[in-house]
PDB file of all heavy atoms in Angstrom:
ATOM      1  N   VAL A   1       0.807  -1.258  -0.017  1.00  0.00           N
ATOM      2  CA  VAL A   1       0.011  -0.063  -0.009  1.00  0.00           C
ATOM      3  C   VAL A   1       0.901   1.298  -0.001  1.00  0.00           C
ATOM      4  O   VAL A   1       0.576   2.275  -0.767  1.00  0.00           O
ATOM      5  CB  VAL A   1      -0.968   0.064   1.270  1.00  0.00           C
ATOM      6  CG1 VAL A   1      -1.576   1.455   1.369  1.00  0.00           C
ATOM      7  CG2 VAL A   1      -2.086  -1.112   1.017  1.00  0.00           C
ATOM      8  N   ALA A   2       1.935   1.229   0.832  1.00  0.00           N
ATOM      9  CA  ALA A   2       2.818   2.465   0.827  1.00  0.00           C
ATOM     10  C   ALA A   2       3.460   2.621  -0.476  1.00  0.00           C
ATOM     11  O   ALA A   2       3.521   3.785  -1.009  1.00  0.00           O
ATOM     12  CB  ALA A   2       3.935   2.121   1.937  1.00  0.00           C
ATOM     13  N   LEU A   3       4.009   1.652  -1.074  1.00  0.00           N
ATOM     14  CA  LEU A   3       4.702   1.778  -2.416  1.00  0.00           C
ATOM     15  C   LEU A   3       3.787   2.113  -3.446  1.00  0.00           C
ATOM     16  O   LEU A   3       4.075   2.869  -4.362  1.00  0.00           O
ATOM     17  CB  LEU A   3       5.434   0.480  -2.704  1.00  0.00           C
ATOM     18  CG  LEU A   3       6.645   0.165  -1.762  1.00  0.00           C
ATOM     19  CD1 LEU A   3       7.258  -1.270  -2.146  1.00  0.00           C
ATOM     20  CD2 LEU A   3       7.697   1.191  -1.839  1.00  0.00           C
ATOM     21  N   ALA A   4       2.493   1.613  -3.363  1.00  0.00           N
ATOM     22  CA  ALA A   4       1.528   1.933  -4.409  1.00  0.00           C
ATOM     23  C   ALA A   4       1.038   3.398  -4.321  1.00  0.00           C
ATOM     24  O   ALA A   4       0.991   4.117  -5.349  1.00  0.00           O
ATOM     25  CB  ALA A   4       0.303   1.100  -4.284  1.00  0.00           C
ATOM     26  N   LEU A   5       0.977   3.921  -3.090  1.00  0.00           N
ATOM     27  CA  LEU A   5       0.606   5.331  -2.948  1.00  0.00           C
ATOM     28  C   LEU A   5       1.793   6.273  -3.550  1.00  0.00           C
ATOM     29  O   LEU A   5       1.611   7.200  -4.232  1.00  0.00           O
ATOM     30  CB  LEU A   5       0.468   5.656  -1.467  1.00  0.00           C
ATOM     31  CG  LEU A   5      -0.874   5.209  -0.954  1.00  0.00           C
ATOM     32  CD1 LEU A   5      -0.864   5.345   0.636  1.00  0.00           C
ATOM     33  CD2 LEU A   5      -2.135   5.831  -1.498  1.00  0.00           C
ATOM     34  N   ILE A   6       3.063   5.792  -3.280  1.00  0.00           N
ATOM     35  CA  ILE A   6       4.138   6.568  -3.691  1.00  0.00           C
ATOM     36  C   ILE A   6       4.357   6.563  -5.177  1.00  0.00           C
ATOM     37  O   ILE A   6       4.471   7.599  -5.913  1.00  0.00           O
ATOM     38  CB  ILE A   6       5.500   6.113  -3.008  1.00  0.00           C
ATOM     39  CG1 ILE A   6       5.358   6.324  -1.529  1.00  0.00           C
ATOM     40  CG2 ILE A   6       6.736   6.745  -3.589  1.00  0.00           C
ATOM     41  CD1 ILE A   6       6.486   5.631  -0.724  1.00  0.00           C
ATOM     42  N   LYS A   7       4.260   5.427  -5.851  1.00  0.00           N
ATOM     43  CA  LYS A   7       4.406   5.222  -7.290  1.00  0.00           C
ATOM     44  C   LYS A   7       3.334   5.955  -8.030  1.00  0.00           C
ATOM     45  O   LYS A   7       3.585   6.665  -8.982  1.00  0.00           O
ATOM     46  CB  LYS A   7       4.503   3.721  -7.556  1.00  0.00           C
ATOM     47  CG  LYS A   7       5.597   2.946  -7.053  1.00  0.00           C
ATOM     48  CD  LYS A   7       6.981   3.440  -7.744  1.00  0.00           C
ATOM     49  CE  LYS A   7       8.092   2.606  -7.216  1.00  0.00           C
ATOM     50  NZ  LYS A   7       9.403   3.056  -7.732  1.00  0.00           N
ATOM     51  N   THR A   8       2.049   5.922  -7.470  1.00  0.00           N
ATOM     52  CA  THR A   8       0.946   6.569  -8.132  1.00  0.00           C
ATOM     53  C   THR A   8       1.154   8.039  -8.023  1.00  0.00           C
ATOM     54  O   THR A   8       0.866   8.843  -8.939  1.00  0.00           O
ATOM     55  CB  THR A   8      -0.443   6.207  -7.576  1.00  0.00           C
ATOM     56  OG1 THR A   8      -0.480   4.698  -7.549  1.00  0.00           O
ATOM     57  CG2 THR A   8      -1.587   6.795  -8.272  1.00  0.00           C
ATOM     58  N   SER A   9       1.572   8.548  -6.909  1.00  0.00           N
ATOM     59  CA  SER A   9       1.846  10.027  -6.636  1.00  0.00           C
ATOM     60  C   SER A   9       2.849  10.457  -7.644  1.00  0.00           C
ATOM     61  O   SER A   9       2.796  11.488  -8.233  1.00  0.00           O
ATOM     62  CB  SER A   9       2.236  10.168  -5.266  1.00  0.00           C
ATOM     63  OG  SER A   9       2.729  11.494  -5.040  1.00  0.00           O
ATOM     64  N   GLU A  10       3.944   9.690  -7.839  1.00  0.00           N
ATOM     65  CA  GLU A  10       5.040  10.161  -8.704  1.00  0.00           C
ATOM     66  C   GLU A  10       4.611  10.081 -10.199  1.00  0.00           C
ATOM     67  O   GLU A  10       4.942  10.959 -10.907  1.00  0.00           O
ATOM     68  CB  GLU A  10       6.201   9.166  -8.520  1.00  0.00           C
ATOM     69  CG  GLU A  10       6.842   9.367  -7.112  1.00  0.00           C
ATOM     70  CD  GLU A  10       8.034   8.354  -6.906  1.00  0.00           C
ATOM     71  OE1 GLU A  10       8.163   7.266  -7.698  1.00  0.00           O
ATOM     72  OE2 GLU A  10       8.741   8.497  -5.895  1.00  0.00           O
ATOM     73  N   ARG A  11       3.853   9.072 -10.474  1.00  0.00           N
ATOM     74  CA  ARG A  11       3.559   8.931 -11.956  1.00  0.00           C
ATOM     75  C   ARG A  11       2.598  10.106 -12.335  1.00  0.00           C
ATOM     76  O   ARG A  11       2.622  10.562 -13.515  1.00  0.00           O
ATOM     77  CB  ARG A  11       2.782   7.641 -12.210  1.00  0.00           C
ATOM     78  CG  ARG A  11       2.493   7.358 -13.706  1.00  0.00           C
ATOM     79  CD  ARG A  11       1.861   6.046 -13.835  1.00  0.00           C
ATOM     80  NE  ARG A  11       1.359   5.747 -15.140  1.00  0.00           N
ATOM     81  CZ  ARG A  11       2.118   5.251 -16.148  1.00  0.00           C
ATOM     82  NH1 ARG A  11       3.256   4.949 -15.851  1.00  0.00           N
ATOM     83  NH2 ARG A  11       1.487   5.145 -17.284  1.00  0.00           N
ATOM     84  N   TYR A  12       1.594  10.377 -11.619  1.00  0.00           N
ATOM     85  CA  TYR A  12       0.508  11.302 -11.936  1.00  0.00           C
ATOM     86  C   TYR A  12       0.678  12.731 -11.319  1.00  0.00           C
ATOM     87  O   TYR A  12      -0.209  13.552 -11.454  1.00  0.00           O
ATOM     88  CB  TYR A  12      -0.915  10.812 -11.628  1.00  0.00           C
ATOM     89  CG  TYR A  12      -1.260   9.504 -12.434  1.00  0.00           C
ATOM     90  CD1 TYR A  12      -1.069   8.236 -11.869  1.00  0.00           C
ATOM     91  CD2 TYR A  12      -1.707   9.734 -13.671  1.00  0.00           C
ATOM     92  CE1 TYR A  12      -1.304   7.224 -12.660  1.00  0.00           C
ATOM     93  CE2 TYR A  12      -2.061   8.549 -14.462  1.00  0.00           C
ATOM     94  CZ  TYR A  12      -1.860   7.294 -13.950  1.00  0.00           C
ATOM     95  OH  TYR A  12      -2.159   6.189 -14.738  1.00  0.00           O
ATOM     96  N   LYS A  13       1.780  12.927 -10.709  1.00  0.00           N
ATOM     97  CA  LYS A  13       2.086  14.201 -10.096  1.00  0.00           C
ATOM     98  C   LYS A  13       1.067  14.766  -9.026  1.00  0.00           C
ATOM     99  O   LYS A  13       0.767  15.939  -9.067  1.00  0.00           O
ATOM    100  CB  LYS A  13       2.334  15.263 -11.245  1.00  0.00           C
ATOM    101  CG  LYS A  13       3.263  14.887 -12.357  1.00  0.00           C
ATOM    102  CD  LYS A  13       4.592  14.475 -11.866  1.00  0.00           C
ATOM    103  CE  LYS A  13       5.574  14.081 -12.960  1.00  0.00           C
ATOM    104  NZ  LYS A  13       6.833  13.571 -12.555  1.00  0.00           N
ATOM    105  N   PHE A  14       0.494  13.766  -8.391  1.00  0.00           N
ATOM    106  CA  PHE A  14      -0.461  14.162  -7.314  1.00  0.00           C
ATOM    107  C   PHE A  14       0.171  13.929  -5.987  1.00  0.00           C
ATOM    108  O   PHE A  14       1.135  12.967  -5.861  1.00  0.00           O
ATOM    109  CB  PHE A  14      -1.732  13.354  -7.325  1.00  0.00           C
ATOM    110  CG  PHE A  14      -2.663  13.678  -8.458  1.00  0.00           C
ATOM    111  CD1 PHE A  14      -3.375  12.688  -9.212  1.00  0.00           C
ATOM    112  CD2 PHE A  14      -2.760  15.022  -8.829  1.00  0.00           C
ATOM    113  CE1 PHE A  14      -4.080  13.144 -10.276  1.00  0.00           C
ATOM    114  CE2 PHE A  14      -3.597  15.358  -9.984  1.00  0.00           C
ATOM    115  CZ  PHE A  14      -4.310  14.334 -10.664  1.00  0.00           C
ATOM    116  N   ASP A  15      -0.151  14.623  -4.917  1.00  0.00           N
ATOM    117  CA  ASP A  15       0.336  14.350  -3.641  1.00  0.00           C
ATOM    118  C   ASP A  15      -0.390  13.003  -3.094  1.00  0.00           C
ATOM    119  O   ASP A  15      -1.389  12.642  -3.627  1.00  0.00           O
ATOM    120  CB  ASP A  15       0.085  15.463  -2.520  1.00  0.00           C
ATOM    121  CG  ASP A  15      -1.191  15.994  -2.447  1.00  0.00           C
ATOM    122  OD1 ASP A  15      -2.189  15.126  -2.082  1.00  0.00           O
ATOM    123  OD2 ASP A  15      -1.458  17.105  -2.726  1.00  0.00           O
ATOM    124  N   ILE A  16       0.202  12.392  -2.036  1.00  0.00           N
ATOM    125  CA  ILE A  16      -0.306  11.055  -1.503  1.00  0.00           C
ATOM    126  C   ILE A  16      -1.763  11.310  -0.985  1.00  0.00           C
ATOM    127  O   ILE A  16      -2.561  10.375  -1.211  1.00  0.00           O
ATOM    128  CB  ILE A  16       0.580  10.561  -0.458  1.00  0.00           C
ATOM    129  CG1 ILE A  16       1.864   9.991  -1.213  1.00  0.00           C
ATOM    130  CG2 ILE A  16      -0.032   9.431   0.268  1.00  0.00           C
ATOM    131  CD1 ILE A  16       2.928   9.679  -0.178  1.00  0.00           C
ATOM    132  N   LEU A  17      -2.078  12.389  -0.324  1.00  0.00           N
ATOM    133  CA  LEU A  17      -3.377  12.588   0.251  1.00  0.00           C
ATOM    134  C   LEU A  17      -4.412  12.644  -0.993  1.00  0.00           C
ATOM    135  O   LEU A  17      -5.536  12.102  -0.807  1.00  0.00           O
ATOM    136  CB  LEU A  17      -3.430  13.910   1.019  1.00  0.00           C
ATOM    137  CG  LEU A  17      -2.830  13.876   2.335  1.00  0.00           C
ATOM    138  CD1 LEU A  17      -2.877  15.308   3.016  1.00  0.00           C
ATOM    139  CD2 LEU A  17      -3.450  12.846   3.297  1.00  0.00           C
ATOM    140  N   ASN A  18      -4.002  13.165  -2.038  1.00  0.00           N
ATOM    141  CA  ASN A  18      -4.914  13.344  -3.193  1.00  0.00           C
ATOM    142  C   ASN A  18      -5.220  11.981  -3.749  1.00  0.00           C
ATOM    143  O   ASN A  18      -6.249  11.531  -4.084  1.00  0.00           O
ATOM    144  CB  ASN A  18      -4.365  14.303  -4.222  1.00  0.00           C
ATOM    145  CG  ASN A  18      -5.450  14.769  -5.186  1.00  0.00           C
ATOM    146  OD1 ASN A  18      -6.587  14.356  -5.114  1.00  0.00           O
ATOM    147  ND2 ASN A  18      -5.133  15.618  -6.132  1.00  0.00           N
ATOM    148  N   VAL A  19      -4.191  11.136  -3.894  1.00  0.00           N
ATOM    149  CA  VAL A  19      -4.226   9.843  -4.399  1.00  0.00           C
ATOM    150  C   VAL A  19      -5.169   8.948  -3.600  1.00  0.00           C
ATOM    151  O   VAL A  19      -6.041   8.366  -4.116  1.00  0.00           O
ATOM    152  CB  VAL A  19      -2.889   9.100  -4.497  1.00  0.00           C
ATOM    153  CG1 VAL A  19      -3.056   7.708  -4.808  1.00  0.00           C
ATOM    154  CG2 VAL A  19      -2.001   9.771  -5.517  1.00  0.00           C
ATOM    155  N   ASN A  20      -4.898   9.066  -2.283  1.00  0.00           N
ATOM    156  CA  ASN A  20      -5.844   8.139  -1.425  1.00  0.00           C
ATOM    157  C   ASN A  20      -7.229   8.663  -1.215  1.00  0.00           C
ATOM    158  O   ASN A  20      -8.111   7.811  -1.002  1.00  0.00           O
ATOM    159  CB  ASN A  20      -5.246   8.030  -0.052  1.00  0.00           C
ATOM    160  CG  ASN A  20      -5.621   6.810   0.759  1.00  0.00           C
ATOM    161  OD1 ASN A  20      -5.416   5.722   0.204  1.00  0.00           O
ATOM    162  ND2 ASN A  20      -6.304   6.874   1.938  1.00  0.00           N
ATOM    163  N   ARG A  21      -7.460   9.912  -1.577  1.00  0.00           N
ATOM    164  CA  ARG A  21      -8.937  10.387  -1.591  1.00  0.00           C
ATOM    165  C   ARG A  21      -9.702   9.622  -2.758  1.00  0.00           C
ATOM    166  O   ARG A  21     -10.769   9.137  -2.644  1.00  0.00           O
ATOM    167  CB  ARG A  21      -9.012  11.833  -1.872  1.00  0.00           C
ATOM    168  CG  ARG A  21      -8.611  12.636  -0.735  1.00  0.00           C
ATOM    169  CD  ARG A  21      -8.666  14.218  -1.039  1.00  0.00           C
ATOM    170  NE  ARG A  21      -7.876  15.017  -0.178  1.00  0.00           N
ATOM    171  CZ  ARG A  21      -6.978  15.908  -0.626  1.00  0.00           C
ATOM    172  NH1 ARG A  21      -6.908  16.027  -1.899  1.00  0.00           N
ATOM    173  NH2 ARG A  21      -6.242  16.491   0.274  1.00  0.00           N
ATOM    174  N   MET A  22      -9.031   9.518  -3.868  1.00  0.00           N
ATOM    175  CA  MET A  22      -9.605   8.781  -4.989  1.00  0.00           C
ATOM    176  C   MET A  22      -9.786   7.323  -4.722  1.00  0.00           C
ATOM    177  O   MET A  22     -10.808   6.712  -4.989  1.00  0.00           O
ATOM    178  CB  MET A  22      -8.713   8.978  -6.357  1.00  0.00           C
ATOM    179  CG  MET A  22      -8.802  10.436  -6.788  1.00  0.00           C
ATOM    180  SD  MET A  22      -7.809  10.584  -8.406  1.00  0.00           S
ATOM    181  CE  MET A  22      -6.142  10.852  -7.714  1.00  0.00           C
ATOM    182  N   VAL A  23      -8.776   6.655  -4.155  1.00  0.00           N
ATOM    183  CA  VAL A  23      -8.793   5.326  -3.879  1.00  0.00           C
ATOM    184  C   VAL A  23      -9.838   5.016  -2.834  1.00  0.00           C
ATOM    185  O   VAL A  23     -10.644   4.082  -2.919  1.00  0.00           O
ATOM    186  CB  VAL A  23      -7.514   4.829  -3.233  1.00  0.00           C
ATOM    187  CG1 VAL A  23      -7.455   3.374  -2.740  1.00  0.00           C
ATOM    188  CG2 VAL A  23      -6.313   4.890  -4.321  1.00  0.00           C
ATOM    189  N   TYR A  24     -10.019   5.849  -1.783  1.00  0.00           N
ATOM    190  CA  TYR A  24     -11.008   5.600  -0.723  1.00  0.00           C
ATOM    191  C   TYR A  24     -12.347   5.666  -1.263  1.00  0.00           C
ATOM    192  O   TYR A  24     -13.267   4.919  -0.910  1.00  0.00           O
ATOM    193  CB  TYR A  24     -10.745   6.537   0.378  1.00  0.00           C
ATOM    194  CG  TYR A  24     -11.511   6.205   1.597  1.00  0.00           C
ATOM    195  CD1 TYR A  24     -10.988   5.354   2.587  1.00  0.00           C
ATOM    196  CD2 TYR A  24     -12.791   6.588   1.885  1.00  0.00           C
ATOM    197  CE1 TYR A  24     -11.558   5.074   3.858  1.00  0.00           C
ATOM    198  CE2 TYR A  24     -13.502   6.183   3.032  1.00  0.00           C
ATOM    199  CZ  TYR A  24     -12.933   5.355   3.994  1.00  0.00           C
ATOM    200  OH  TYR A  24     -13.593   5.027   5.112  1.00  0.00           O
ATOM    201  N   LYS A  25     -12.636   6.761  -2.132  1.00  0.00           N
ATOM    202  CA  LYS A  25     -13.945   6.900  -2.643  1.00  0.00           C
ATOM    203  C   LYS A  25     -14.469   5.809  -3.471  1.00  0.00           C
ATOM    204  O   LYS A  25     -15.608   5.538  -3.639  1.00  0.00           O
ATOM    205  CB  LYS A  25     -14.073   8.265  -3.392  1.00  0.00           C
ATOM    206  CG  LYS A  25     -14.009   9.419  -2.618  1.00  0.00           C
ATOM    207  CD  LYS A  25     -13.880  10.795  -3.285  1.00  0.00           C
ATOM    208  CE  LYS A  25     -13.741  11.934  -2.380  1.00  0.00           C
ATOM    209  NZ  LYS A  25     -13.687  13.191  -3.196  1.00  0.00           N
ATOM    210  N   GLU A  26     -13.406   5.129  -4.225  1.00  0.00           N
ATOM    211  CA  GLU A  26     -13.796   3.948  -5.018  1.00  0.00           C
ATOM    212  C   GLU A  26     -13.970   2.688  -4.231  1.00  0.00           C
ATOM    213  O   GLU A  26     -14.828   1.793  -4.611  1.00  0.00           O
ATOM    214  CB  GLU A  26     -12.786   3.836  -6.115  1.00  0.00           C
ATOM    215  CG  GLU A  26     -12.898   4.887  -7.238  1.00  0.00           C
ATOM    216  CD  GLU A  26     -12.165   4.402  -8.494  1.00  0.00           C
ATOM    217  OE1 GLU A  26     -12.594   3.351  -8.992  1.00  0.00           O
ATOM    218  OE2 GLU A  26     -11.513   5.240  -9.014  1.00  0.00           O
ATOM    219  N   THR A  27     -13.011   2.461  -3.255  1.00  0.00           N
ATOM    220  CA  THR A  27     -13.002   1.206  -2.541  1.00  0.00           C
ATOM    221  C   THR A  27     -14.002   1.143  -1.310  1.00  0.00           C
ATOM    222  O   THR A  27     -14.197   0.029  -0.728  1.00  0.00           O
ATOM    223  CB  THR A  27     -11.651   0.900  -2.029  1.00  0.00           C
ATOM    224  OG1 THR A  27     -11.114   1.979  -1.231  1.00  0.00           O
ATOM    225  CG2 THR A  27     -10.758   0.748  -3.243  1.00  0.00           C
ATOM    226  N   CYS A  28     -14.415   2.274  -0.978  1.00  0.00           N
ATOM    227  CA  CYS A  28     -15.380   2.319   0.283  1.00  0.00           C
ATOM    228  C   CYS A  28     -16.638   3.273  -0.182  1.00  0.00           C
ATOM    229  O   CYS A  28     -16.736   4.301   0.541  1.00  0.00           O
ATOM    230  CB  CYS A  28     -14.722   2.801   1.497  1.00  0.00           C
ATOM    231  SG  CYS A  28     -15.600   2.565   2.992  1.00  0.00           S
TER     232      CYS A  28
END
């Protein structure tokens, strides 16, 4: 989970909080 957040943040130029907002809204 940690590495996936970091890699997604780096690839799409979003901060980690922004990435997990999207993930949380889809998975919960």
